[in-house]
């Protein structure tokens, strides 16, 4: 069984895309994040190649997450851990403990992610121990494994530009074979926002997540 793990944050103003919020405002930043997340989820959730588990944060927003995502064909789990590394490691542990043979984890910050990319990652795991998708900012947007590898998440300065290289170092230290995918851009600053996202910023959507 193949399992896709999708990390999602509830698009509450002030809690997502804080660098964008500093320039464009918290409500607009929340809407930008929601647009990207909804597009990614819509693209990747339905496939004959894998099942999807939405790992959401914060845990107390479970009902709001289900209402926002609005999909009954996925499973929902709350994220657990103090750091993003701990939460990712825990997510892999959970899906492997419930029967996954291969697992791929993605975030919801990269508009270019598609189901075809996810499928390519799963197929790479047929002959590699790991697969990783580097982001332009030095992080990664995708990580695929065939078993839990908690050491991959140790001693990493999350949010820095060294995350991808540090993770590759861990992969090599563990003697894991791996494949790197194409570099993609995640949306962290106003300069990263493409016209396809800006065109969706209608007044109606801005009000949807306003307080």
N, C-alpha and C. Protein backbone atom coordinates (compact mmCIF):
# COMPACT_ATOMS: atom_id res chain seq x y z
N UNK A 1 0.85 -1.20 0.00
CA UNK A 1 0.00 0.00 0.00
C UNK A 1 0.88 1.25 0.00
N UNK A 2 0.56 2.18 -0.86
CA UNK A 2 1.25 3.46 -0.92
C UNK A 2 0.41 4.52 -0.22
N UNK A 3 1.06 5.34 0.61
CA UNK A 3 0.34 6.38 1.34
C UNK A 3 1.00 7.73 1.11
N UNK A 4 0.20 8.69 0.68
CA UNK A 4 0.64 10.07 0.55
C UNK A 4 0.28 10.83 1.82
N UNK A 5 1.27 11.45 2.44
CA UNK A 5 1.08 12.29 3.61
C UNK A 5 1.09 13.74 3.14
N UNK A 6 0.03 14.49 3.44
CA UNK A 6 -0.04 15.90 3.08
C UNK A 6 -0.09 16.73 4.36
N UNK A 7 0.90 17.58 4.56
CA UNK A 7 0.94 18.45 5.73
C UNK A 7 0.19 19.74 5.42
N UNK A 8 -0.78 20.06 6.28
CA UNK A 8 -1.65 21.22 6.08
C UNK A 8 -1.78 22.00 7.38
N UNK A 9 -1.76 23.32 7.27
CA UNK A 9 -2.08 24.18 8.41
C UNK A 9 -3.41 24.87 8.14
N UNK A 10 -4.20 25.05 9.20
CA UNK A 10 -5.44 25.78 8.99
C UNK A 10 -5.10 27.23 8.65
N UNK A 11 -5.73 27.79 7.62
CA UNK A 11 -5.35 29.14 7.14
C UNK A 11 -5.91 30.26 8.01
N UNK A 12 -5.48 30.30 9.25
CA UNK A 12 -5.93 31.34 10.17
C UNK A 12 -5.02 32.56 10.04
N UNK A 13 -5.58 33.74 9.84
CA UNK A 13 -4.74 34.94 9.71
C UNK A 13 -3.80 35.10 10.90
N UNK A 14 -2.54 35.38 10.58
CA UNK A 14 -1.53 35.54 11.60
C UNK A 14 -0.79 34.28 11.95
N UNK A 15 -1.27 33.13 11.46
CA UNK A 15 -0.65 31.84 11.79
C UNK A 15 0.03 31.17 10.59
N UNK A 16 -0.19 31.70 9.39
CA UNK A 16 0.42 31.13 8.20
C UNK A 16 1.06 32.24 7.36
N UNK A 17 2.09 31.88 6.63
CA UNK A 17 2.77 32.80 5.71
C UNK A 17 3.08 34.15 6.36
N UNK A 18 3.81 34.09 7.46
CA UNK A 18 4.06 35.30 8.24
C UNK A 18 4.95 36.30 7.51
N UNK A 19 5.86 35.82 6.67
CA UNK A 19 6.70 36.77 5.91
C UNK A 19 5.87 37.53 4.89
N UNK A 20 4.91 36.85 4.29
CA UNK A 20 4.00 37.53 3.36
C UNK A 20 3.10 38.49 4.13
N UNK A 21 2.66 38.05 5.31
CA UNK A 21 1.76 38.87 6.12
C UNK A 21 2.39 40.19 6.51
N UNK A 22 3.69 40.22 6.72
CA UNK A 22 4.36 41.47 7.12
C UNK A 22 4.23 42.54 6.06
N UNK A 23 4.11 42.14 4.80
CA UNK A 23 4.01 43.11 3.72
C UNK A 23 2.59 43.28 3.19
N UNK A 24 1.83 42.19 3.15
CA UNK A 24 0.50 42.23 2.52
C UNK A 24 -0.65 42.14 3.51
N UNK A 25 -0.34 41.88 4.77
CA UNK A 25 -1.39 41.74 5.77
C UNK A 25 -1.71 40.29 6.06
N UNK A 26 -2.14 40.03 7.30
CA UNK A 26 -2.37 38.65 7.74
C UNK A 26 -3.52 37.98 6.99
N UNK A 27 -4.58 38.71 6.72
CA UNK A 27 -5.73 38.11 6.05
C UNK A 27 -5.38 37.72 4.61
N UNK A 28 -4.69 38.60 3.91
CA UNK A 28 -4.30 38.28 2.53
C UNK A 28 -3.32 37.10 2.51
N UNK A 29 -2.39 37.08 3.46
CA UNK A 29 -1.44 35.96 3.53
C UNK A 29 -2.17 34.65 3.76
N UNK A 30 -3.20 34.67 4.63
CA UNK A 30 -3.96 33.44 4.89
C UNK A 30 -4.71 32.98 3.65
N UNK A 31 -5.24 33.92 2.90
CA UNK A 31 -5.95 33.55 1.67
C UNK A 31 -4.98 32.99 0.64
N UNK A 32 -3.80 33.61 0.52
CA UNK A 32 -2.80 33.10 -0.42
C UNK A 32 -2.44 31.67 -0.06
N UNK A 33 -2.21 31.41 1.23
CA UNK A 33 -1.89 30.04 1.63
C UNK A 33 -3.05 29.10 1.31
N UNK A 34 -4.27 29.52 1.59
CA UNK A 34 -5.43 28.64 1.36
C UNK A 34 -5.59 28.32 -0.12
N UNK A 35 -5.33 29.29 -0.98
CA UNK A 35 -5.42 29.04 -2.43
C UNK A 35 -4.42 27.97 -2.85
N UNK A 36 -3.17 28.13 -2.40
CA UNK A 36 -2.13 27.17 -2.77
C UNK A 36 -2.46 25.80 -2.21
N UNK A 37 -2.82 25.74 -0.92
CA UNK A 37 -3.12 24.45 -0.28
C UNK A 37 -4.28 23.74 -0.96
N UNK A 38 -5.34 24.47 -1.27
CA UNK A 38 -6.49 23.86 -1.92
C UNK A 38 -6.12 23.31 -3.29
N UNK A 39 -5.29 24.04 -4.03
CA UNK A 39 -4.87 23.56 -5.35
C UNK A 39 -4.04 22.29 -5.24
N UNK A 40 -3.10 22.30 -4.29
CA UNK A 40 -2.26 21.11 -4.13
C UNK A 40 -3.10 19.90 -3.74
N UNK A 41 -3.98 20.07 -2.75
CA UNK A 41 -4.82 18.96 -2.29
C UNK A 41 -5.70 18.45 -3.42
N UNK A 42 -6.28 19.36 -4.17
CA UNK A 42 -7.15 18.96 -5.28
C UNK A 42 -6.38 18.16 -6.33
N UNK A 43 -5.15 18.57 -6.59
CA UNK A 43 -4.35 17.90 -7.62
C UNK A 43 -3.89 16.51 -7.20
N UNK A 44 -3.51 16.36 -5.94
CA UNK A 44 -2.81 15.14 -5.54
C UNK A 44 -3.67 14.12 -4.83
N UNK A 45 -4.87 14.48 -4.38
CA UNK A 45 -5.59 13.61 -3.45
C UNK A 45 -6.17 12.35 -4.09
N UNK A 46 -6.57 12.43 -5.33
CA UNK A 46 -7.24 11.29 -5.96
C UNK A 46 -6.29 10.58 -6.91
N UNK A 47 -5.99 9.32 -6.61
CA UNK A 47 -5.12 8.54 -7.48
C UNK A 47 -5.32 7.06 -7.20
N UNK A 48 -5.20 6.26 -8.24
CA UNK A 48 -5.23 4.80 -8.07
C UNK A 48 -3.90 4.28 -7.53
N UNK A 49 -2.88 5.15 -7.51
CA UNK A 49 -1.53 4.73 -7.11
C UNK A 49 -1.32 4.78 -5.60
N UNK A 50 -2.13 5.54 -4.87
CA UNK A 50 -1.91 5.74 -3.44
C UNK A 50 -3.18 6.25 -2.75
N UNK A 51 -3.19 6.10 -1.43
CA UNK A 51 -4.20 6.72 -0.59
C UNK A 51 -3.62 7.96 0.06
N UNK A 52 -4.48 8.86 0.53
CA UNK A 52 -4.01 10.14 1.06
C UNK A 52 -4.43 10.32 2.50
N UNK A 53 -3.47 10.78 3.32
CA UNK A 53 -3.75 11.14 4.71
C UNK A 53 -3.39 12.61 4.88
N UNK A 54 -4.35 13.42 5.30
CA UNK A 54 -4.11 14.82 5.61
C UNK A 54 -3.67 14.91 7.07
N UNK A 55 -2.41 15.32 7.29
CA UNK A 55 -1.93 15.58 8.65
C UNK A 55 -2.03 17.08 8.89
N UNK A 56 -2.90 17.46 9.81
CA UNK A 56 -3.23 18.88 9.96
C UNK A 56 -2.70 19.45 11.27
N UNK A 57 -2.62 20.77 11.28
CA UNK A 57 -2.19 21.53 12.45
C UNK A 57 -2.94 22.86 12.44
N UNK A 58 -3.38 23.36 13.59
CA UNK A 58 -3.25 22.79 14.93
C UNK A 58 -4.31 21.70 15.19
N UNK A 59 -4.03 20.80 16.14
CA UNK A 59 -4.93 19.66 16.38
C UNK A 59 -6.34 20.08 16.79
N UNK A 60 -6.47 21.21 17.49
CA UNK A 60 -7.81 21.62 17.96
C UNK A 60 -8.70 22.14 16.85
N UNK A 61 -8.16 22.27 15.64
CA UNK A 61 -8.95 22.76 14.51
C UNK A 61 -9.43 21.62 13.63
N UNK A 62 -9.61 20.44 14.19
CA UNK A 62 -9.98 19.26 13.39
C UNK A 62 -11.26 19.49 12.59
N UNK A 63 -12.30 19.99 13.25
CA UNK A 63 -13.57 20.19 12.54
C UNK A 63 -13.44 21.23 11.45
N UNK A 64 -12.73 22.31 11.76
CA UNK A 64 -12.54 23.37 10.78
C UNK A 64 -11.73 22.88 9.58
N UNK A 65 -10.72 22.05 9.85
CA UNK A 65 -9.91 21.50 8.75
C UNK A 65 -10.77 20.64 7.84
N UNK A 66 -11.56 19.76 8.42
CA UNK A 66 -12.42 18.89 7.60
C UNK A 66 -13.40 19.71 6.76
N UNK A 67 -13.95 20.75 7.37
CA UNK A 67 -14.91 21.59 6.64
C UNK A 67 -14.20 22.35 5.51
N UNK A 68 -13.02 22.86 5.80
CA UNK A 68 -12.28 23.62 4.80
C UNK A 68 -11.82 22.72 3.66
N UNK A 69 -11.15 21.60 3.96
CA UNK A 69 -10.67 20.71 2.91
C UNK A 69 -11.84 20.10 2.15
N UNK A 70 -12.87 19.69 2.89
CA UNK A 70 -14.10 19.26 2.26
C UNK A 70 -14.03 17.98 1.47
N UNK A 71 -13.15 17.07 1.87
CA UNK A 71 -13.02 15.82 1.13
C UNK A 71 -13.32 14.66 2.06
N UNK A 72 -14.18 13.75 1.56
CA UNK A 72 -14.48 12.55 2.31
C UNK A 72 -13.69 11.34 1.85
N UNK A 73 -12.84 11.54 0.83
CA UNK A 73 -12.07 10.42 0.27
C UNK A 73 -10.64 10.39 0.79
N UNK A 74 -10.36 11.15 1.87
CA UNK A 74 -9.04 11.14 2.48
C UNK A 74 -9.20 10.87 3.97
N UNK A 75 -8.08 10.50 4.62
CA UNK A 75 -8.07 10.30 6.06
C UNK A 75 -7.44 11.53 6.72
N UNK A 76 -7.91 11.86 7.92
CA UNK A 76 -7.40 13.03 8.64
C UNK A 76 -6.71 12.60 9.92
N UNK A 77 -5.51 13.14 10.15
CA UNK A 77 -4.76 12.90 11.38
C UNK A 77 -4.15 14.23 11.83
N UNK A 78 -4.09 14.45 13.13
CA UNK A 78 -3.45 15.65 13.64
C UNK A 78 -1.94 15.45 13.70
N UNK A 79 -1.20 16.51 13.46
CA UNK A 79 0.25 16.46 13.58
C UNK A 79 0.63 16.40 15.06
N UNK A 80 1.76 15.76 15.34
CA UNK A 80 2.21 15.61 16.73
C UNK A 80 3.71 15.81 16.81
N UNK A 81 4.14 16.73 17.69
CA UNK A 81 5.57 17.01 17.86
C UNK A 81 5.81 18.49 18.00
N UNK A 82 6.94 18.85 18.61
CA UNK A 82 7.24 20.25 18.86
C UNK A 82 7.85 20.95 17.66
N UNK A 83 8.61 20.24 16.85
CA UNK A 83 9.24 20.83 15.67
C UNK A 83 8.68 20.19 14.41
N UNK A 84 8.91 20.83 13.27
CA UNK A 84 8.43 20.26 12.02
C UNK A 84 9.10 18.91 11.77
N UNK A 85 10.36 18.77 12.18
CA UNK A 85 11.04 17.48 12.02
C UNK A 85 10.38 16.39 12.84
N UNK A 86 10.04 16.69 14.09
CA UNK A 86 9.36 15.71 14.94
C UNK A 86 8.00 15.35 14.36
N UNK A 87 7.31 16.34 13.81
CA UNK A 87 5.97 16.07 13.26
C UNK A 87 6.05 15.21 12.00
N UNK A 88 7.06 15.47 11.16
CA UNK A 88 7.21 14.64 9.97
C UNK A 88 7.60 13.22 10.34
N UNK A 89 8.54 13.08 11.26
CA UNK A 89 8.96 11.74 11.69
C UNK A 89 7.78 10.97 12.27
N UNK A 90 6.97 11.64 13.08
CA UNK A 90 5.80 10.99 13.68
C UNK A 90 4.80 10.56 12.61
N UNK A 91 4.61 11.40 11.59
CA UNK A 91 3.67 11.05 10.52
C UNK A 91 4.12 9.81 9.77
N UNK A 92 5.40 9.72 9.46
CA UNK A 92 5.91 8.52 8.81
C UNK A 92 5.72 7.30 9.70
N UNK A 93 6.02 7.43 10.98
CA UNK A 93 5.83 6.32 11.92
C UNK A 93 4.38 5.85 11.92
N UNK A 94 3.44 6.77 11.92
CA UNK A 94 2.03 6.41 11.99
C UNK A 94 1.57 5.67 10.74
N UNK A 95 1.94 6.17 9.56
CA UNK A 95 1.42 5.50 8.35
C UNK A 95 2.08 4.15 8.14
N UNK A 96 3.35 4.02 8.49
CA UNK A 96 3.99 2.71 8.35
C UNK A 96 3.42 1.72 9.37
N UNK A 97 3.06 2.21 10.56
CA UNK A 97 2.50 1.32 11.57
C UNK A 97 1.10 0.84 11.22
N UNK A 98 0.44 1.53 10.28
CA UNK A 98 -0.91 1.14 9.88
C UNK A 98 -0.94 0.48 8.50
N UNK A 99 0.23 0.03 8.01
CA UNK A 99 0.23 -0.80 6.81
C UNK A 99 0.86 -0.23 5.56
N UNK A 100 1.32 1.01 5.59
CA UNK A 100 1.95 1.56 4.39
C UNK A 100 3.25 0.81 4.08
N UNK A 101 3.48 0.53 2.80
CA UNK A 101 4.74 -0.07 2.36
C UNK A 101 5.68 0.99 1.82
N UNK A 102 5.12 2.03 1.23
CA UNK A 102 5.89 3.20 0.79
C UNK A 102 5.09 4.44 1.18
N UNK A 103 5.79 5.49 1.61
CA UNK A 103 5.12 6.72 2.02
C UNK A 103 5.85 7.92 1.44
N UNK A 104 5.07 8.88 0.96
CA UNK A 104 5.61 10.13 0.44
C UNK A 104 4.94 11.26 1.19
N UNK A 105 5.75 12.21 1.68
CA UNK A 105 5.23 13.36 2.42
C UNK A 105 5.46 14.62 1.61
N UNK A 106 4.43 15.46 1.51
CA UNK A 106 4.56 16.76 0.86
C UNK A 106 3.94 17.82 1.75
N UNK A 107 4.35 19.06 1.52
CA UNK A 107 3.70 20.19 2.17
C UNK A 107 2.70 20.83 1.23
N UNK A 108 2.19 21.98 1.64
CA UNK A 108 1.20 22.68 0.81
C UNK A 108 1.64 24.13 0.59
N UNK A 109 2.93 24.29 0.27
CA UNK A 109 3.51 25.61 0.01
C UNK A 109 4.01 25.75 -1.42
N UNK A 110 3.92 24.66 -2.21
CA UNK A 110 4.51 24.65 -3.55
C UNK A 110 3.40 24.44 -4.58
N UNK A 111 2.97 25.50 -5.27
CA UNK A 111 1.85 25.38 -6.20
C UNK A 111 2.09 24.41 -7.34
N UNK A 112 3.34 24.13 -7.68
CA UNK A 112 3.64 23.32 -8.86
C UNK A 112 3.54 21.82 -8.63
N UNK A 113 3.34 21.38 -7.39
CA UNK A 113 3.26 19.94 -7.14
C UNK A 113 2.04 19.35 -7.84
N UNK A 114 2.24 18.19 -8.48
CA UNK A 114 1.15 17.51 -9.18
C UNK A 114 1.10 16.05 -8.77
N UNK A 115 -0.01 15.40 -9.12
CA UNK A 115 -0.14 13.97 -8.86
C UNK A 115 0.91 13.18 -9.63
N UNK A 116 1.29 13.66 -10.80
CA UNK A 116 2.31 12.98 -11.59
C UNK A 116 3.65 12.97 -10.86
N UNK A 117 3.99 14.06 -10.19
CA UNK A 117 5.23 14.12 -9.42
C UNK A 117 5.19 13.16 -8.24
N UNK A 118 4.04 13.11 -7.58
CA UNK A 118 3.89 12.19 -6.46
C UNK A 118 4.00 10.74 -6.94
N UNK A 119 3.36 10.44 -8.06
CA UNK A 119 3.43 9.09 -8.62
C UNK A 119 4.86 8.74 -9.00
N UNK A 120 5.58 9.69 -9.58
CA UNK A 120 6.99 9.46 -9.91
C UNK A 120 7.79 9.13 -8.66
N UNK A 121 7.49 9.84 -7.55
CA UNK A 121 8.21 9.58 -6.30
C UNK A 121 7.95 8.16 -5.80
N UNK A 122 6.68 7.73 -5.84
CA UNK A 122 6.37 6.36 -5.41
C UNK A 122 7.06 5.33 -6.30
N UNK A 123 7.08 5.58 -7.58
CA UNK A 123 7.73 4.62 -8.49
C UNK A 123 9.23 4.60 -8.28
N UNK A 124 9.82 5.73 -7.91
CA UNK A 124 11.25 5.76 -7.60
C UNK A 124 11.57 4.90 -6.39
N UNK A 125 10.62 4.83 -5.46
CA UNK A 125 10.83 4.03 -4.24
C UNK A 125 10.81 2.53 -4.52
N UNK A 126 10.46 2.14 -5.73
CA UNK A 126 10.52 0.72 -6.07
C UNK A 126 11.97 0.25 -6.17
N UNK A 127 12.89 1.20 -6.44
CA UNK A 127 14.29 0.81 -6.58
C UNK A 127 15.24 1.69 -5.76
N UNK A 128 14.72 2.71 -5.06
CA UNK A 128 15.54 3.55 -4.18
C UNK A 128 14.99 3.47 -2.75
N UNK A 129 15.86 3.77 -1.78
CA UNK A 129 15.43 3.79 -0.38
C UNK A 129 14.70 5.07 -0.02
N UNK A 130 15.03 6.14 -0.73
CA UNK A 130 14.44 7.45 -0.42
C UNK A 130 14.33 8.27 -1.70
N UNK A 131 13.42 9.24 -1.67
CA UNK A 131 13.30 10.20 -2.77
C UNK A 131 13.04 11.56 -2.13
N UNK A 132 13.65 12.60 -2.70
CA UNK A 132 13.55 13.92 -2.09
C UNK A 132 13.41 14.97 -3.19
N UNK A 133 12.55 15.96 -2.93
CA UNK A 133 12.33 17.04 -3.88
C UNK A 133 12.85 18.35 -3.31
N UNK A 134 13.97 18.86 -3.81
CA UNK A 134 14.55 20.09 -3.28
C UNK A 134 13.75 21.34 -3.66
N UNK A 135 13.68 22.27 -2.73
CA UNK A 135 13.05 23.56 -2.98
C UNK A 135 14.12 24.62 -3.23
N UNK A 136 13.75 25.68 -3.92
CA UNK A 136 14.71 26.72 -4.27
C UNK A 136 15.31 27.40 -3.04
N UNK A 137 14.58 27.41 -1.93
CA UNK A 137 15.06 28.12 -0.74
C UNK A 137 15.99 27.28 0.13
N UNK A 138 16.34 26.07 -0.33
CA UNK A 138 17.25 25.23 0.43
C UNK A 138 16.57 24.18 1.28
N UNK A 139 15.26 24.18 1.28
CA UNK A 139 14.51 23.14 1.97
C UNK A 139 14.13 22.03 1.01
N UNK A 140 13.09 21.27 1.36
CA UNK A 140 12.56 20.29 0.42
C UNK A 140 11.04 20.28 0.51
N UNK A 141 10.41 19.96 -0.64
CA UNK A 141 8.96 19.97 -0.72
C UNK A 141 8.37 18.57 -0.71
N UNK A 142 9.22 17.54 -0.81
CA UNK A 142 8.75 16.16 -0.86
C UNK A 142 9.83 15.26 -0.27
N UNK A 143 9.38 14.28 0.50
CA UNK A 143 10.28 13.25 1.01
C UNK A 143 9.54 11.92 0.98
N UNK A 144 10.17 10.91 0.37
CA UNK A 144 9.57 9.59 0.29
C UNK A 144 10.47 8.55 0.91
N UNK A 145 9.86 7.59 1.64
CA UNK A 145 10.62 6.55 2.33
C UNK A 145 9.90 5.21 2.23
N UNK A 146 10.65 4.14 2.50
CA UNK A 146 10.07 2.80 2.54
C UNK A 146 9.95 2.25 3.95
N UNK A 147 10.48 3.00 4.91
CA UNK A 147 10.35 2.64 6.32
C UNK A 147 10.69 3.87 7.15
N UNK A 148 10.31 3.89 8.42
CA UNK A 148 10.64 5.05 9.25
C UNK A 148 12.15 5.26 9.32
N UNK A 149 12.56 6.51 9.23
CA UNK A 149 13.98 6.86 9.33
C UNK A 149 14.10 8.10 10.23
N UNK A 150 13.88 7.94 11.54
CA UNK A 150 13.87 9.11 12.43
C UNK A 150 15.16 9.90 12.42
N UNK A 151 16.30 9.27 12.13
CA UNK A 151 17.57 9.99 12.11
C UNK A 151 17.64 11.06 11.03
N UNK A 152 16.79 10.95 10.00
CA UNK A 152 16.78 11.95 8.94
C UNK A 152 16.35 13.32 9.44
N UNK A 153 15.70 13.36 10.58
CA UNK A 153 15.13 14.61 11.08
C UNK A 153 15.90 15.18 12.28
N UNK A 154 17.06 14.57 12.59
CA UNK A 154 17.87 15.01 13.72
C UNK A 154 18.82 16.13 13.32
N UNK A 155 19.06 17.04 14.28
CA UNK A 155 20.13 18.03 14.14
C UNK A 155 19.99 18.85 12.86
N UNK A 156 18.78 19.33 12.60
CA UNK A 156 18.52 20.16 11.42
C UNK A 156 17.92 21.49 11.88
N UNK A 157 18.43 22.57 11.32
CA UNK A 157 17.90 23.90 11.62
C UNK A 157 16.74 24.17 10.67
N UNK A 158 15.54 23.80 11.10
CA UNK A 158 14.36 23.91 10.25
C UNK A 158 14.08 25.37 9.91
N UNK A 159 13.75 25.60 8.65
CA UNK A 159 13.49 26.95 8.18
C UNK A 159 14.73 27.63 7.62
N UNK A 160 15.88 26.99 7.74
CA UNK A 160 17.11 27.55 7.19
C UNK A 160 17.33 27.07 5.76
N UNK A 161 18.35 27.63 5.12
CA UNK A 161 18.66 27.23 3.75
C UNK A 161 19.50 25.98 3.64
N UNK A 162 19.76 25.33 4.77
CA UNK A 162 20.61 24.14 4.76
C UNK A 162 19.83 22.83 4.95
N UNK A 163 18.51 22.91 4.99
CA UNK A 163 17.70 21.72 5.31
C UNK A 163 17.91 20.60 4.30
N UNK A 164 17.86 20.93 3.02
CA UNK A 164 18.01 19.91 1.99
C UNK A 164 19.38 19.24 2.06
N UNK A 165 20.44 20.05 2.12
CA UNK A 165 21.79 19.49 2.13
C UNK A 165 22.04 18.69 3.41
N UNK A 166 21.54 19.16 4.53
CA UNK A 166 21.71 18.44 5.79
C UNK A 166 20.98 17.09 5.73
N UNK A 167 19.80 17.09 5.12
CA UNK A 167 19.05 15.84 4.99
C UNK A 167 19.76 14.87 4.06
N UNK A 168 20.31 15.39 2.97
CA UNK A 168 21.10 14.52 2.08
C UNK A 168 22.28 13.90 2.83
N UNK A 169 22.90 14.71 3.70
CA UNK A 169 24.00 14.18 4.49
C UNK A 169 23.55 13.02 5.38
N UNK A 170 22.38 13.16 6.00
CA UNK A 170 21.84 12.08 6.82
C UNK A 170 21.55 10.84 5.97
N UNK A 171 20.97 11.05 4.78
CA UNK A 171 20.67 9.93 3.88
C UNK A 171 21.95 9.16 3.56
N UNK A 172 23.01 9.89 3.27
CA UNK A 172 24.27 9.24 2.92
C UNK A 172 24.89 8.55 4.14
N UNK A 173 24.78 9.18 5.32
CA UNK A 173 25.30 8.56 6.54
C UNK A 173 24.60 7.23 6.84
N UNK A 174 23.31 7.14 6.48
CA UNK A 174 22.54 5.92 6.71
C UNK A 174 22.71 4.91 5.58
N UNK A 175 23.54 5.25 4.58
CA UNK A 175 23.78 4.38 3.42
C UNK A 175 22.49 4.06 2.66
N UNK A 176 21.63 5.05 2.56
CA UNK A 176 20.39 4.89 1.81
C UNK A 176 20.60 5.34 0.37
N UNK A 177 20.09 4.58 -0.56
CA UNK A 177 20.07 5.05 -1.95
C UNK A 177 18.93 6.04 -2.09
N UNK A 178 19.08 7.00 -3.01
CA UNK A 178 18.04 8.01 -3.14
C UNK A 178 18.00 8.60 -4.54
N UNK A 179 16.88 9.25 -4.81
CA UNK A 179 16.72 10.00 -6.05
C UNK A 179 16.26 11.41 -5.69
N UNK A 180 16.84 12.41 -6.34
CA UNK A 180 16.40 13.80 -6.19
C UNK A 180 15.51 14.18 -7.37
N UNK A 181 14.42 14.84 -7.06
CA UNK A 181 13.49 15.30 -8.09
C UNK A 181 13.88 16.71 -8.54
N UNK A 182 13.08 17.29 -9.42
CA UNK A 182 13.34 18.64 -9.91
C UNK A 182 13.20 19.66 -8.77
N UNK A 183 13.96 20.73 -8.87
CA UNK A 183 13.86 21.82 -7.90
C UNK A 183 12.59 22.63 -8.19
N UNK A 184 11.81 22.91 -7.14
CA UNK A 184 10.60 23.71 -7.26
C UNK A 184 10.65 24.88 -6.29
N UNK A 185 9.84 25.88 -6.54
CA UNK A 185 9.79 27.08 -5.69
C UNK A 185 8.60 26.99 -4.75
N UNK A 186 8.86 27.21 -3.46
CA UNK A 186 7.74 27.35 -2.54
C UNK A 186 7.46 28.83 -2.32
N UNK A 187 6.25 29.13 -1.92
CA UNK A 187 5.82 30.52 -1.79
C UNK A 187 6.01 30.95 -0.35
N UNK A 188 7.05 31.75 -0.11
CA UNK A 188 7.35 32.23 1.23
C UNK A 188 7.32 33.75 1.34
N UNK A 189 7.54 34.43 0.23
CA UNK A 189 7.59 35.90 0.23
C UNK A 189 6.68 36.43 -0.87
N UNK A 190 6.33 37.72 -0.83
CA UNK A 190 5.49 38.28 -1.90
C UNK A 190 6.09 38.10 -3.28
N UNK A 191 7.43 38.08 -3.37
CA UNK A 191 8.08 37.92 -4.67
C UNK A 191 7.86 36.54 -5.26
N UNK A 192 7.52 35.57 -4.41
CA UNK A 192 7.30 34.20 -4.88
C UNK A 192 5.90 33.99 -5.47
N UNK A 193 5.02 34.94 -5.27
CA UNK A 193 3.61 34.77 -5.66
C UNK A 193 3.46 35.00 -7.15
N UNK A 194 3.01 34.01 -7.87
CA UNK A 194 2.81 34.13 -9.31
C UNK A 194 1.46 34.74 -9.64
N UNK A 195 1.27 35.15 -10.89
CA UNK A 195 0.01 35.78 -11.30
C UNK A 195 -1.19 34.86 -11.14
N UNK A 196 -0.97 33.53 -11.25
CA UNK A 196 -2.09 32.59 -11.12
C UNK A 196 -2.66 32.60 -9.71
N UNK A 197 -1.84 32.99 -8.72
CA UNK A 197 -2.31 33.11 -7.35
C UNK A 197 -2.91 34.48 -7.12
N UNK A 198 -2.24 35.52 -7.59
CA UNK A 198 -2.75 36.89 -7.40
C UNK A 198 -4.12 37.07 -8.04
N UNK A 199 -4.33 36.42 -9.18
CA UNK A 199 -5.61 36.56 -9.87
C UNK A 199 -6.77 36.00 -9.06
N UNK A 200 -6.48 35.14 -8.08
CA UNK A 200 -7.54 34.53 -7.26
C UNK A 200 -7.89 35.36 -6.03
N UNK A 201 -7.17 36.46 -5.80
CA UNK A 201 -7.40 37.25 -4.59
C UNK A 201 -8.58 38.19 -4.75
N UNK A 202 -9.77 37.62 -4.75
CA UNK A 202 -10.99 38.41 -4.83
C UNK A 202 -11.41 38.85 -3.44
N UNK A 203 -12.25 39.84 -3.35
CA UNK A 203 -12.75 40.30 -2.05
C UNK A 203 -13.49 39.19 -1.32
N UNK A 204 -14.23 38.37 -2.08
CA UNK A 204 -15.00 37.28 -1.47
C UNK A 204 -14.07 36.31 -0.75
N UNK A 205 -12.95 35.95 -1.38
CA UNK A 205 -12.02 35.00 -0.76
C UNK A 205 -11.31 35.64 0.43
N UNK A 206 -11.00 36.93 0.33
CA UNK A 206 -10.35 37.59 1.46
C UNK A 206 -11.24 37.57 2.69
N UNK A 207 -12.53 37.76 2.49
CA UNK A 207 -13.46 37.78 3.61
C UNK A 207 -13.67 36.38 4.19
N UNK A 208 -13.44 35.35 3.38
CA UNK A 208 -13.73 33.99 3.80
C UNK A 208 -12.96 33.60 5.05
N UNK A 209 -11.70 34.08 5.17
CA UNK A 209 -10.87 33.70 6.31
C UNK A 209 -10.59 34.87 7.24
N UNK A 210 -11.31 35.95 7.08
CA UNK A 210 -11.11 37.09 7.96
C UNK A 210 -11.79 36.86 9.30
N UNK A 211 -11.30 37.53 10.31
CA UNK A 211 -11.86 37.39 11.65
C UNK A 211 -12.86 38.49 11.93
